[in-house]
Amino acid sequence: MSDYRINFGSIIDQLDQRKLVDVLNIVGNDDELIITIEAEDATQTENIYRLLEDNGFEITVKGGHDDNKYNIVARRRES
């Protein structure tokens, strides 16, 4: 099992989304992906959730609103 981490700033653009897709392509069935987002606006996470779900990942959100950081833990869905 490997852990992959990716960090995004407060604005998530198309380049960031492409970077995420590149990482999703290498995450295996037993691996975990942790995405940290410095999001002041919760809508910034919606595109990330959609990308993860569309690529077969289960999502758990950790963190809070106090420090404006969201931690998304993603694992591939079991077949």
C-alpha atoms as a PDB file:
ATOM      1  CA  MET A   1       0.000   0.000   0.000  1.00  0.00           C
ATOM      2  CA  SER A   2       1.284   3.419  -0.973  1.00  0.00           C
ATOM      3  CA  ASP A   3       0.154   6.860   0.083  1.00  0.00           C
ATOM      4  CA  TYR A   4       0.001   9.639  -2.471  1.00  0.00           C
ATOM      5  CA  ARG A   5      -0.423  13.280  -1.524  1.00  0.00           C
ATOM      6  CA  ILE A   6      -1.373  16.283  -3.563  1.00  0.00           C
ATOM      7  CA  ASN A   7      -1.844  19.856  -2.341  1.00  0.00           C
ATOM      8  CA  PHE A   8      -3.942  22.554  -3.950  1.00  0.00           C
ATOM      9  CA  GLY A   9      -4.137  26.251  -3.167  1.00  0.00           C
ATOM     10  CA  SER A  10      -7.270  28.335  -2.804  1.00  0.00           C
ATOM     11  CA  ILE A  11      -7.954  28.361  -6.551  1.00  0.00           C
ATOM     12  CA  ILE A  12      -8.173  25.030  -8.378  1.00  0.00           C
ATOM     13  CA  ASP A  13      -7.740  25.505 -12.107  1.00  0.00           C
ATOM     14  CA  GLN A  14      -7.690  23.167 -15.113  1.00  0.00           C
ATOM     15  CA  LEU A  15      -3.971  22.519 -14.739  1.00  0.00           C
ATOM     16  CA  ASP A  16      -4.550  21.347 -11.162  1.00  0.00           C
ATOM     17  CA  GLN A  17      -7.354  19.079 -12.326  1.00  0.00           C
ATOM     18  CA  ARG A  18      -5.123  17.575 -15.033  1.00  0.00           C
ATOM     19  CA  LYS A  19      -2.420  17.018 -12.423  1.00  0.00           C
ATOM     20  CA  LEU A  20      -4.976  15.183 -10.275  1.00  0.00           C
ATOM     21  CA  VAL A  21      -6.056  12.964 -13.190  1.00  0.00           C
ATOM     22  CA  ASP A  22      -2.384  12.067 -13.790  1.00  0.00           C
ATOM     23  CA  VAL A  23      -2.058  10.983 -10.151  1.00  0.00           C
ATOM     24  CA  LEU A  24      -5.356   9.047 -10.271  1.00  0.00           C
ATOM     25  CA  ASN A  25      -3.972   6.989 -13.130  1.00  0.00           C
ATOM     26  CA  ILE A  26      -1.143   5.654 -10.949  1.00  0.00           C
ATOM     27  CA  VAL A  27      -3.061   5.088  -7.689  1.00  0.00           C
ATOM     28  CA  GLY A  28      -3.603   1.347  -7.243  1.00  0.00           C
ATOM     29  CA  ASN A  29      -6.365  -0.629  -5.554  1.00  0.00           C
ATOM     30  CA  ASP A  30      -4.604  -0.776  -2.176  1.00  0.00           C
ATOM     31  CA  ASP A  31      -3.288   2.793  -2.285  1.00  0.00           C
ATOM     32  CA  GLU A  32      -4.595   5.907  -0.600  1.00  0.00           C
ATOM     33  CA  LEU A  33      -4.646   9.413  -2.030  1.00  0.00           C
ATOM     34  CA  ILE A  34      -4.744  12.383   0.334  1.00  0.00           C
ATOM     35  CA  ILE A  35      -5.695  15.699  -1.222  1.00  0.00           C
ATOM     36  CA  THR A  36      -5.264  18.881   0.809  1.00  0.00           C
ATOM     37  CA  ILE A  37      -7.139  21.909  -0.431  1.00  0.00           C
ATOM     38  CA  GLU A  38      -6.753  25.408   0.951  1.00  0.00           C
ATOM     39  CA  ALA A  39     -10.276  26.308  -0.016  1.00  0.00           C
ATOM     40  CA  GLU A  40     -12.048  29.368   1.272  1.00  0.00           C
ATOM     41  CA  ASP A  41     -14.998  28.434  -0.902  1.00  0.00           C
ATOM     42  CA  ALA A  42     -16.455  24.932  -0.595  1.00  0.00           C
ATOM     43  CA  THR A  43     -17.430  24.953  -4.274  1.00  0.00           C
ATOM     44  CA  GLN A  44     -13.735  24.526  -5.081  1.00  0.00           C
ATOM     45  CA  THR A  45     -14.033  20.935  -3.877  1.00  0.00           C
ATOM     46  CA  GLU A  46     -16.999  19.972  -6.076  1.00  0.00           C
ATOM     47  CA  ASN A  47     -14.892  19.460  -9.213  1.00  0.00           C
ATOM     48  CA  ILE A  48     -12.421  17.370  -7.221  1.00  0.00           C
ATOM     49  CA  TYR A  49     -15.231  15.180  -5.850  1.00  0.00           C
ATOM     50  CA  ARG A  50     -16.641  14.719  -9.349  1.00  0.00           C
ATOM     51  CA  LEU A  51     -13.240  13.742 -10.788  1.00  0.00           C
ATOM     52  CA  LEU A  52     -12.690  11.229  -8.011  1.00  0.00           C
ATOM     53  CA  GLU A  53     -16.135   9.671  -8.311  1.00  0.00           C
ATOM     54  CA  ASP A  54     -15.942   9.526 -12.111  1.00  0.00           C
ATOM     55  CA  ASN A  55     -12.638   7.660 -11.799  1.00  0.00           C
ATOM     56  CA  GLY A  56     -13.940   5.040  -9.352  1.00  0.00           C
ATOM     57  CA  PHE A  57     -12.837   6.450  -6.001  1.00  0.00           C
ATOM     58  CA  GLU A  58     -14.554   6.472  -2.606  1.00  0.00           C
ATOM     59  CA  ILE A  59     -14.175   9.728  -0.708  1.00  0.00           C
ATOM     60  CA  THR A  60     -13.791  10.575   2.974  1.00  0.00           C
ATOM     61  CA  VAL A  61     -13.469  14.211   4.020  1.00  0.00           C
ATOM     62  CA  LYS A  62     -11.374  15.139   7.041  1.00  0.00           C
ATOM     63  CA  GLY A  63     -10.583  18.527   8.485  1.00  0.00           C
ATOM     64  CA  GLY A  64     -12.645  21.542   9.160  1.00  0.00           C
ATOM     65  CA  HIS A  65     -13.484  25.066   8.342  1.00  0.00           C
ATOM     66  CA  ASP A  66     -11.313  26.636  11.051  1.00  0.00           C
ATOM     67  CA  ASP A  67      -8.087  26.635   9.058  1.00  0.00           C
ATOM     68  CA  ASN A  68      -9.748  26.702   5.612  1.00  0.00           C
ATOM     69  CA  LYS A  69      -8.160  23.364   4.747  1.00  0.00           C
ATOM     70  CA  TYR A  70     -10.030  20.337   3.526  1.00  0.00           C
ATOM     71  CA  ASN A  71      -8.417  16.928   3.489  1.00  0.00           C
ATOM     72  CA  ILE A  72      -9.978  14.471   1.096  1.00  0.00           C
ATOM     73  CA  VAL A  73      -8.942  10.859   1.514  1.00  0.00           C
ATOM     74  CA  ALA A  74      -9.664   8.786  -1.582  1.00  0.00           C
ATOM     75  CA  ARG A  75      -9.393   5.057  -2.245  1.00  0.00           C
ATOM     76  CA  ARG A  76     -10.410   3.067  -5.288  1.00  0.00           C
ATOM     77  CA  ARG A  77     -13.789   1.391  -4.974  1.00  0.00           C
ATOM     78  CA  GLU A  78     -13.592  -2.358  -4.570  1.00  0.00           C
ATOM     79  CA  SER A  79     -14.767  -4.246  -7.624  1.00  0.00           C
END
